[in-house]
Amino acid sequence: MEHLDVPQWLATLAVMLGVAKGFGILARRIDQPAVLGELLAGVLVGPSVLGLVEPRAAILQLFAELGVIILLFEIGLETDLAALLKVGGTSAAVALAGVVLPFGLGYAACRLLGLDSVVAIVAGAALTATSVGITARVLADLGRLRDPESRVVLGAAVIDDIVGLVILTVVARLAEGRAVTVAGVATTAAVAFGFLLATLLLGRYLIPPLFRLVDRVDLQGTGTIAALVLAFGLAWLGERSGSALIVGAFAAGLLLAGTTQRHEIERGVVALGHFFVPLFFVAVGAAVDVRVFDPLDPGNRPTLLAGGLLIAAAVSGKFLAGFVPFWFRGRKSVIGVAMIPRGEVGLIFAQMGLASGCLDPGLFGAITLMVMVTTFLAPPLLKHLLGGRPIPKRPGELEEVGDLVTSP
């Protein structure tokens, strides 16, 4: 574990934030999500290219972890639990198929390559997430948020987020060395669901009166600080109870999404996220060793083969999920393509697997490549299927679904 003194850390922060913002802007200029630019920026400044950022530094890992917690807290804040519970059977079918199919295909591909069972589970789990932010932004830009296909996709992607959090908890426990058994997985999943359910049930009665008291304090920023205290406290409690840090942070966001201070809290947390969240993505990119992608090196062939198989599993699994609800009469191909992009949760899986030692640098690079390719692939395909010319948005369209989407 590398150690940085204060001047070195300040220089590292300047480099990371500068390249994250610069590459994020460039990515948006070419109609891609900013997160992709931040990943590429991390690759550029990492040890395998310019060597300006050392991803193994303890303080960088701490700041990156804070970025993950804040990111999941933001997602929880922007998720309307009531709207989530009203999602129909079509979205649920797409969501569940969109988890099972990519996971099964990814697991099978890794086992075919002769990888260990736990490694195959971690790699397969990284294929299950859907980046609702990327898809929602493309649909909004095309004025298609009111389409039946779009509503199915948004609902399915939100369900994916919650299922993905539970899978992440299961994988985190397995990565710690626990045996891969049906009973062990079921117990871990029950603990994760139980913690989330208990937190939401208790918080429904405790949080509103508590934040009404907070609202009486005439001091700017009090609501945001109280919200962060809750987020960090539940993240700690989630870890201590056998669940996970990010499950607690996500639950805190869900609890506060219905409070009167939500918009004030969201402004404060988003501002904080502008600092911490890019550090996570740059750190993930910096951990990628681009040398493992050199096709001229015979030793890299396993990584390239794994990357190709994971990309095929990731794309085909999500695309096929769009065709599972056979009763739906809309364009199933649009649903399938819209479910393809991976994002934050997939990267969290990869980073966790690397940190725990489950993934070697080659397989970590293969998963990161899968995230990048699927993120690049979906927007142009959606535009092709839906037509490149935006349809004028009707008044209130974005506000109606605003609680179901997150910013890219």
Protein backbone atom coordinates (compact mmCIF):
# COMPACT_ATOMS: atom_id res chain seq x y z
CA MET A 1 0.00 0.00 0.00
CA GLU A 2 1.52 3.29 -1.13
CA HIS A 3 1.73 6.31 1.19
CA LEU A 4 1.47 9.93 0.02
CA ASP A 5 2.49 13.00 1.98
CA VAL A 6 0.34 16.16 1.89
CA PRO A 7 2.08 17.91 -1.07
CA GLN A 8 2.01 14.69 -3.10
CA TRP A 9 -1.68 14.17 -2.29
CA LEU A 10 -2.58 17.73 -3.27
CA ALA A 11 -0.77 17.29 -6.58
CA THR A 12 -2.55 13.98 -7.15
CA LEU A 13 -5.94 15.59 -6.42
CA ALA A 14 -5.19 18.41 -8.85
CA VAL A 15 -4.28 15.94 -11.59
CA MET A 16 -7.25 13.63 -10.97
CA LEU A 17 -9.91 16.34 -10.76
CA GLY A 18 -8.45 18.24 -13.71
CA VAL A 19 -8.33 15.28 -16.08
CA ALA A 20 -11.71 13.99 -14.85
CA LYS A 21 -13.42 17.26 -15.69
CA GLY A 22 -11.52 17.76 -18.95
CA PHE A 23 -12.17 14.27 -20.29
CA GLY A 24 -15.75 14.39 -18.98
CA ILE A 25 -16.37 17.53 -21.04
CA LEU A 26 -14.77 15.93 -24.11
CA ALA A 27 -16.95 12.84 -23.69
CA ARG A 28 -20.10 14.94 -23.53
CA ARG A 29 -18.97 16.85 -26.65
CA ILE A 30 -18.99 13.58 -28.60
CA ASP A 31 -22.38 12.68 -27.10
CA GLN A 32 -21.07 10.16 -24.57
CA PRO A 33 -21.59 10.10 -20.78
CA ALA A 34 -19.05 11.95 -18.66
CA VAL A 35 -18.26 8.80 -16.69
CA LEU A 36 -16.65 7.29 -19.77
CA GLY A 37 -14.32 10.28 -20.07
CA GLU A 38 -13.41 9.96 -16.39
CA LEU A 39 -12.53 6.30 -16.87
CA LEU A 40 -10.34 7.07 -19.87
CA ALA A 41 -8.71 9.90 -17.92
CA GLY A 42 -7.84 7.44 -15.18
CA VAL A 43 -6.27 5.06 -17.67
CA LEU A 44 -4.17 7.93 -19.07
CA VAL A 45 -2.79 9.13 -15.73
CA GLY A 46 -2.42 5.62 -14.26
CA PRO A 47 0.82 3.69 -13.79
CA SER A 48 0.62 1.90 -17.15
CA VAL A 49 0.64 5.15 -19.21
CA LEU A 50 1.77 8.47 -17.65
CA GLY A 51 2.29 7.21 -14.10
CA LEU A 52 0.89 10.35 -12.43
CA VAL A 53 -1.58 8.56 -10.14
CA GLU A 54 -0.92 5.54 -7.92
CA PRO A 55 -4.27 3.75 -7.39
CA ARG A 56 -2.88 1.65 -4.53
CA ALA A 57 -2.34 4.69 -2.29
CA ALA A 58 -4.33 4.22 0.93
CA ILE A 59 -5.73 7.77 0.98
CA LEU A 60 -6.87 7.48 -2.64
CA GLN A 61 -8.70 4.24 -1.88
CA LEU A 62 -10.38 5.95 1.09
CA PHE A 63 -11.54 8.90 -1.03
CA ALA A 64 -12.70 6.54 -3.78
CA GLU A 65 -14.74 4.57 -1.22
CA LEU A 66 -16.37 7.80 -0.06
CA GLY A 67 -17.18 8.51 -3.70
CA VAL A 68 -19.01 5.17 -3.99
CA ILE A 69 -21.02 5.83 -0.82
CA ILE A 70 -22.03 9.32 -1.97
CA LEU A 71 -22.90 8.00 -5.44
CA LEU A 72 -25.25 5.33 -4.06
CA PHE A 73 -26.73 7.86 -1.65
CA GLU A 74 -27.48 10.12 -4.65
CA ILE A 75 -29.13 7.24 -6.52
CA GLY A 76 -31.31 6.53 -3.49
CA LEU A 77 -32.31 10.18 -3.25
CA GLU A 78 -33.38 10.19 -6.90
CA THR A 79 -35.44 7.00 -6.61
CA ASP A 80 -39.14 7.33 -5.84
CA LEU A 81 -39.96 4.27 -3.74
CA ALA A 82 -43.72 4.64 -4.30
CA ALA A 83 -43.25 4.79 -8.08
CA LEU A 84 -40.89 1.83 -7.84
CA LEU A 85 -43.56 -0.27 -6.11
CA LYS A 86 -46.05 0.55 -8.89
CA VAL A 87 -43.83 -0.82 -11.64
CA GLY A 88 -45.70 -3.48 -13.60
CA GLY A 89 -44.93 -7.09 -14.30
CA THR A 90 -43.31 -6.27 -17.62
CA SER A 91 -40.57 -4.20 -16.00
CA ALA A 92 -40.06 -6.82 -13.30
CA ALA A 93 -39.72 -9.58 -15.91
CA VAL A 94 -37.19 -7.57 -17.91
CA ALA A 95 -35.24 -6.69 -14.77
CA LEU A 96 -35.01 -10.25 -13.47
CA ALA A 97 -34.13 -11.66 -16.89
CA GLY A 98 -31.60 -8.84 -17.27
CA VAL A 99 -29.86 -10.10 -14.14
CA VAL A 100 -30.13 -13.87 -14.63
CA LEU A 101 -29.14 -14.08 -18.32
CA PRO A 102 -25.95 -11.95 -18.25
CA PHE A 103 -24.87 -13.52 -14.97
CA GLY A 104 -25.36 -17.04 -16.29
CA LEU A 105 -23.61 -16.31 -19.58
CA GLY A 106 -20.73 -14.52 -17.86
CA TYR A 107 -20.30 -17.29 -15.30
CA ALA A 108 -20.33 -19.94 -18.03
CA ALA A 109 -17.78 -18.02 -20.11
CA CYS A 110 -15.39 -17.73 -17.17
CA ARG A 111 -15.74 -21.39 -16.25
CA LEU A 112 -15.11 -22.26 -19.90
CA LEU A 113 -11.84 -20.36 -19.60
CA GLY A 114 -10.93 -22.51 -16.60
CA LEU A 115 -11.37 -19.78 -13.96
CA ASP A 116 -12.21 -20.50 -10.32
CA SER A 117 -15.88 -20.56 -9.28
CA VAL A 118 -15.63 -17.47 -7.02
CA VAL A 119 -13.81 -15.54 -9.76
CA ALA A 120 -16.52 -16.56 -12.25
CA ILE A 121 -19.23 -15.37 -9.83
CA VAL A 122 -17.57 -11.96 -9.39
CA ALA A 123 -17.10 -11.56 -13.14
CA GLY A 124 -20.64 -12.72 -13.91
CA ALA A 125 -22.08 -10.37 -11.28
CA ALA A 126 -20.33 -7.42 -12.92
CA LEU A 127 -22.49 -8.06 -16.01
CA THR A 128 -25.83 -7.74 -14.19
CA ALA A 129 -26.06 -3.97 -13.66
CA THR A 130 -27.79 -1.49 -16.00
CA SER A 131 -26.80 2.19 -16.04
CA VAL A 132 -30.20 3.87 -15.85
CA GLY A 133 -28.58 7.31 -16.10
CA ILE A 134 -27.06 6.71 -19.53
CA THR A 135 -30.23 5.18 -20.98
CA ALA A 136 -32.53 7.82 -19.47
CA ARG A 137 -30.41 10.66 -20.85
CA VAL A 138 -30.55 9.26 -24.39
CA LEU A 139 -34.32 8.72 -24.18
CA ALA A 140 -34.79 12.25 -22.81
CA ASP A 141 -32.65 13.80 -25.56
CA LEU A 142 -34.77 12.00 -28.17
CA GLY A 143 -38.02 13.05 -26.49
CA ARG A 144 -39.02 9.42 -25.99
CA LEU A 145 -39.53 9.24 -22.23
CA ARG A 146 -43.29 8.83 -22.65
CA ASP A 147 -42.98 5.80 -24.96
CA PRO A 148 -44.21 2.51 -23.44
CA GLU A 149 -40.79 0.96 -24.09
CA SER A 150 -39.11 3.78 -22.17
CA ARG A 151 -41.34 3.33 -19.14
CA VAL A 152 -40.58 -0.39 -19.09
CA VAL A 153 -36.85 0.27 -19.35
CA LEU A 154 -36.78 2.91 -16.62
CA GLY A 155 -38.73 0.71 -14.22
CA ALA A 156 -36.59 -2.34 -15.02
CA ALA A 157 -33.36 -0.38 -14.60
CA VAL A 158 -34.40 0.86 -11.16
CA ILE A 159 -35.28 -2.70 -10.09
CA ASP A 160 -31.90 -3.74 -11.48
CA ASP A 161 -30.22 -1.24 -9.16
CA ILE A 162 -31.77 -2.81 -6.06
CA VAL A 163 -31.17 -6.40 -7.20
CA GLY A 164 -27.64 -5.41 -8.13
CA LEU A 165 -27.02 -4.06 -4.65
CA VAL A 166 -28.12 -7.38 -3.15
CA ILE A 167 -25.93 -9.33 -5.57
CA LEU A 168 -23.04 -7.03 -4.71
CA THR A 169 -23.51 -7.82 -1.03
CA VAL A 170 -23.51 -11.55 -1.76
CA VAL A 171 -20.38 -11.26 -3.89
CA ALA A 172 -18.65 -9.13 -1.27
CA ARG A 173 -19.19 -11.86 1.32
CA LEU A 174 -17.93 -14.53 -1.07
CA ALA A 175 -14.87 -12.45 -1.90
CA GLU A 176 -13.94 -12.52 1.77
CA GLY A 177 -13.34 -16.23 1.46
CA ARG A 178 -16.65 -17.80 2.41
CA ALA A 179 -17.56 -21.07 0.72
CA VAL A 180 -19.79 -20.92 -2.34
CA THR A 181 -22.88 -22.77 -1.10
CA VAL A 182 -26.59 -22.32 -1.77
CA ALA A 183 -27.23 -21.91 1.95
CA GLY A 184 -24.48 -19.32 2.29
CA VAL A 185 -25.72 -17.29 -0.66
CA ALA A 186 -29.34 -17.51 0.57
CA THR A 187 -28.31 -16.38 4.06
CA THR A 188 -26.32 -13.44 2.76
CA ALA A 189 -29.15 -12.40 0.44
CA ALA A 190 -31.64 -12.69 3.33
CA VAL A 191 -29.43 -10.49 5.51
CA ALA A 192 -29.16 -7.89 2.73
CA PHE A 193 -32.92 -7.86 2.07
CA GLY A 194 -33.66 -7.95 5.80
CA PHE A 195 -31.40 -5.00 6.56
CA LEU A 196 -32.87 -2.97 3.70
CA LEU A 197 -36.46 -3.85 4.65
CA ALA A 198 -35.96 -3.18 8.38
CA THR A 199 -34.21 0.12 7.66
CA LEU A 200 -37.01 1.31 5.36
CA LEU A 201 -39.80 0.24 7.73
CA LEU A 202 -38.25 1.83 10.81
CA GLY A 203 -37.01 4.87 8.94
CA ARG A 204 -40.47 5.55 7.55
CA TYR A 205 -41.62 6.42 11.07
CA LEU A 206 -38.42 7.85 12.53
CA ILE A 207 -36.93 9.98 9.74
CA PRO A 208 -39.81 12.40 8.92
CA PRO A 209 -40.25 13.73 12.51
CA LEU A 210 -36.47 13.87 12.96
CA PHE A 211 -36.00 15.99 9.83
CA ARG A 212 -38.92 18.21 10.79
CA LEU A 213 -36.87 19.10 13.84
CA VAL A 214 -33.82 19.64 11.65
CA ASP A 215 -35.91 21.97 9.48
CA ARG A 216 -36.45 24.27 12.47
CA VAL A 217 -32.72 24.92 12.83
CA ASP A 218 -31.98 28.27 11.24
CA LEU A 219 -28.50 27.42 10.00
CA GLN A 220 -27.63 26.94 6.34
CA GLY A 221 -26.49 23.45 5.41
CA THR A 222 -27.92 21.73 8.49
CA GLY A 223 -30.22 19.50 6.41
CA THR A 224 -27.38 18.34 4.17
CA ILE A 225 -25.10 17.57 7.13
CA ALA A 226 -27.89 15.67 8.90
CA ALA A 227 -28.48 13.69 5.70
CA LEU A 228 -24.78 12.81 5.42
CA VAL A 229 -24.73 11.74 9.07
CA LEU A 230 -27.64 9.40 8.29
CA ALA A 231 -25.98 8.10 5.11
CA PHE A 232 -22.62 7.42 6.75
CA GLY A 233 -24.30 5.98 9.84
CA LEU A 234 -26.46 3.56 7.87
CA ALA A 235 -23.50 2.65 5.65
CA TRP A 236 -21.54 1.72 8.78
CA LEU A 237 -24.53 -0.14 10.23
CA GLY A 238 -25.03 -1.99 6.97
CA GLU A 239 -21.43 -3.22 7.00
CA ARG A 240 -21.58 -4.17 10.68
CA SER A 241 -24.87 -6.06 10.25
CA GLY A 242 -23.47 -8.26 7.50
CA SER A 243 -24.86 -6.31 4.57
CA ALA A 244 -22.70 -3.71 2.79
CA LEU A 245 -21.71 -0.04 3.00
CA ILE A 246 -23.45 0.90 -0.22
CA VAL A 247 -26.71 -0.83 0.76
CA GLY A 248 -26.89 1.39 3.85
CA ALA A 249 -26.09 4.51 1.83
CA PHE A 250 -28.74 3.62 -0.76
CA ALA A 251 -31.32 3.00 1.99
CA ALA A 252 -30.55 6.42 3.49
CA GLY A 253 -31.24 8.03 0.12
CA LEU A 254 -34.54 6.18 -0.23
CA LEU A 255 -35.63 7.34 3.24
CA LEU A 256 -34.86 10.97 2.51
CA ALA A 257 -36.33 11.00 -1.01
CA GLY A 258 -39.77 11.76 0.40
CA THR A 259 -38.82 14.48 2.89
CA THR A 260 -39.53 18.17 2.37
CA GLN A 261 -35.78 18.89 2.46
CA ARG A 262 -35.04 16.48 -0.39
CA HIS A 263 -34.13 19.15 -2.96
CA GLU A 264 -31.92 21.05 -0.50
CA ILE A 265 -30.19 17.82 0.51
CA GLU A 266 -29.81 16.78 -3.12
CA ARG A 267 -28.13 20.06 -4.04
CA GLY A 268 -25.63 19.68 -1.22
CA VAL A 269 -24.92 16.00 -1.88
CA VAL A 270 -24.58 16.50 -5.64
CA ALA A 271 -22.10 19.33 -5.02
CA LEU A 272 -20.11 17.02 -2.72
CA GLY A 273 -20.35 14.28 -5.33
CA HIS A 274 -18.74 16.55 -7.93
CA PHE A 275 -15.58 16.22 -5.86
CA PHE A 276 -15.63 12.62 -4.60
CA VAL A 277 -17.40 10.62 -7.32
CA PRO A 278 -14.96 11.43 -10.19
CA LEU A 279 -12.11 10.34 -7.92
CA PHE A 280 -13.65 6.88 -7.81
CA PHE A 281 -13.91 6.59 -11.58
CA VAL A 282 -10.43 7.98 -12.19
CA ALA A 283 -9.06 5.55 -9.58
CA VAL A 284 -10.81 2.67 -11.34
CA GLY A 285 -9.38 3.74 -14.69
CA ALA A 286 -5.90 4.16 -13.18
CA ALA A 287 -6.02 0.55 -11.97
CA VAL A 288 -6.34 -0.67 -15.58
CA ASP A 289 -3.08 -1.92 -17.03
CA VAL A 290 -3.33 -1.12 -20.75
CA ARG A 291 -0.40 -3.40 -21.44
CA VAL A 292 -2.70 -6.39 -21.00
CA PHE A 293 -4.54 -5.29 -24.18
CA ASP A 294 -1.46 -5.49 -26.40
CA PRO A 295 -2.47 -8.04 -29.07
CA LEU A 296 1.16 -8.59 -30.06
CA ASP A 297 2.01 -10.03 -26.64
CA PRO A 298 1.06 -13.74 -26.55
CA GLY A 299 0.62 -13.49 -22.78
CA ASN A 300 -2.30 -11.11 -23.27
CA ARG A 301 -4.41 -13.48 -25.32
CA PRO A 302 -6.30 -14.84 -22.27
CA THR A 303 -7.28 -11.28 -21.24
CA LEU A 304 -8.44 -10.34 -24.72
CA LEU A 305 -10.34 -13.59 -25.04
CA ALA A 306 -11.99 -13.04 -21.65
CA GLY A 307 -12.87 -9.47 -22.60
CA GLY A 308 -14.44 -10.56 -25.87
CA LEU A 309 -16.50 -13.29 -24.20
CA LEU A 310 -17.67 -10.96 -21.42
CA ILE A 311 -18.69 -8.30 -23.94
CA ALA A 312 -20.66 -10.90 -25.91
CA ALA A 313 -22.33 -12.17 -22.72
CA ALA A 314 -23.07 -8.63 -21.50
CA VAL A 315 -24.66 -7.48 -24.75
CA SER A 316 -26.60 -10.64 -25.61
CA GLY A 317 -27.86 -11.19 -22.04
CA LYS A 318 -29.42 -7.75 -21.70
CA PHE A 319 -30.71 -7.67 -25.26
CA LEU A 320 -32.47 -11.02 -24.86
CA ALA A 321 -34.00 -9.81 -21.59
CA GLY A 322 -36.03 -7.30 -23.59
CA PHE A 323 -37.82 -10.18 -25.33
CA VAL A 324 -38.74 -12.08 -22.14
CA PRO A 325 -42.11 -10.32 -21.55
CA PHE A 326 -43.76 -11.99 -24.55
CA TRP A 327 -47.08 -10.30 -23.73
CA PHE A 328 -45.66 -6.82 -24.33
CA ARG A 329 -46.60 -5.52 -27.79
CA GLY A 330 -44.07 -2.71 -28.06
CA ARG A 331 -40.64 -2.76 -29.69
CA LYS A 332 -38.74 -5.31 -27.63
CA SER A 333 -35.51 -4.53 -29.48
CA VAL A 334 -35.60 -0.99 -28.06
CA ILE A 335 -35.96 -2.38 -24.53
CA GLY A 336 -33.12 -4.83 -25.10
CA VAL A 337 -30.70 -2.21 -26.43
CA ALA A 338 -31.65 0.30 -23.74
CA MET A 339 -30.69 -2.25 -21.06
CA ILE A 340 -27.19 -2.82 -22.48
CA PRO A 341 -25.07 0.01 -20.96
CA ARG A 342 -23.23 -0.84 -17.77
CA GLY A 343 -21.92 1.84 -15.47
CA GLU A 344 -21.24 2.61 -11.85
CA VAL A 345 -22.33 -0.68 -10.27
CA GLY A 346 -20.43 -2.78 -12.79
CA LEU A 347 -17.27 -0.82 -12.03
CA ILE A 348 -17.88 -1.23 -8.29
CA PHE A 349 -18.01 -5.01 -8.79
CA ALA A 350 -14.74 -4.94 -10.72
CA GLN A 351 -12.96 -2.71 -8.21
CA MET A 352 -14.15 -4.82 -5.29
CA GLY A 353 -12.97 -7.99 -7.00
CA LEU A 354 -9.55 -6.48 -7.67
CA ALA A 355 -9.16 -5.17 -4.11
CA SER A 356 -10.15 -8.53 -2.59
CA GLY A 357 -7.75 -10.44 -4.82
CA CYS A 358 -10.52 -12.35 -6.63
CA LEU A 359 -9.64 -10.68 -9.93
CA ASP A 360 -6.16 -10.36 -11.36
CA PRO A 361 -5.23 -7.21 -13.34
CA GLY A 362 -5.97 -8.96 -16.63
CA LEU A 363 -9.54 -9.96 -15.76
CA PHE A 364 -10.12 -6.59 -14.09
CA GLY A 365 -9.08 -4.93 -17.34
CA ALA A 366 -11.38 -7.26 -19.30
CA ILE A 367 -14.39 -6.29 -17.13
CA THR A 368 -13.54 -2.58 -17.38
CA LEU A 369 -13.30 -2.97 -21.17
CA MET A 370 -16.75 -4.58 -21.12
CA VAL A 371 -18.15 -1.59 -19.21
CA MET A 372 -16.61 0.87 -21.66
CA VAL A 373 -17.76 -0.98 -24.79
CA THR A 374 -21.35 -1.41 -23.59
CA THR A 375 -21.45 2.25 -22.53
CA PHE A 376 -20.26 3.34 -25.98
CA LEU A 377 -22.52 0.91 -27.82
CA ALA A 378 -26.00 1.66 -26.47
CA PRO A 379 -26.48 5.40 -27.25
CA PRO A 380 -25.87 5.19 -31.03
CA LEU A 381 -27.93 1.98 -31.30
CA LEU A 382 -30.85 3.60 -29.47
CA LYS A 383 -30.68 6.63 -31.72
CA HIS A 384 -30.70 4.35 -34.76
CA LEU A 385 -33.74 2.39 -33.53
CA LEU A 386 -35.71 5.41 -32.36
CA GLY A 387 -34.65 7.85 -35.07
CA GLY A 388 -31.99 10.51 -34.78
CA ARG A 389 -34.32 13.54 -34.81
CA PRO A 390 -35.58 14.44 -31.32
CA ILE A 391 -39.32 14.60 -30.73
CA PRO A 392 -40.34 17.83 -28.93
CA LYS A 393 -40.90 17.17 -25.25
CA ARG A 394 -44.31 17.88 -23.82
CA PRO A 395 -44.60 20.11 -20.74
CA GLY A 396 -43.84 18.25 -17.52
CA GLU A 397 -42.38 15.21 -19.28
CA LEU A 398 -39.04 15.27 -17.52
CA GLU A 399 -40.57 16.10 -14.16
CA GLU A 400 -42.93 13.13 -14.37
CA VAL A 401 -40.11 10.61 -14.57
CA GLY A 402 -37.45 12.64 -12.84
CA ASP A 403 -37.59 10.47 -9.73
CA LEU A 404 -36.74 7.40 -11.78
CA VAL A 405 -33.59 8.65 -13.47
CA THR A 406 -30.13 9.63 -12.38
CA SER A 407 -27.71 11.98 -14.11
CA PRO A 408 -25.07 10.29 -16.27
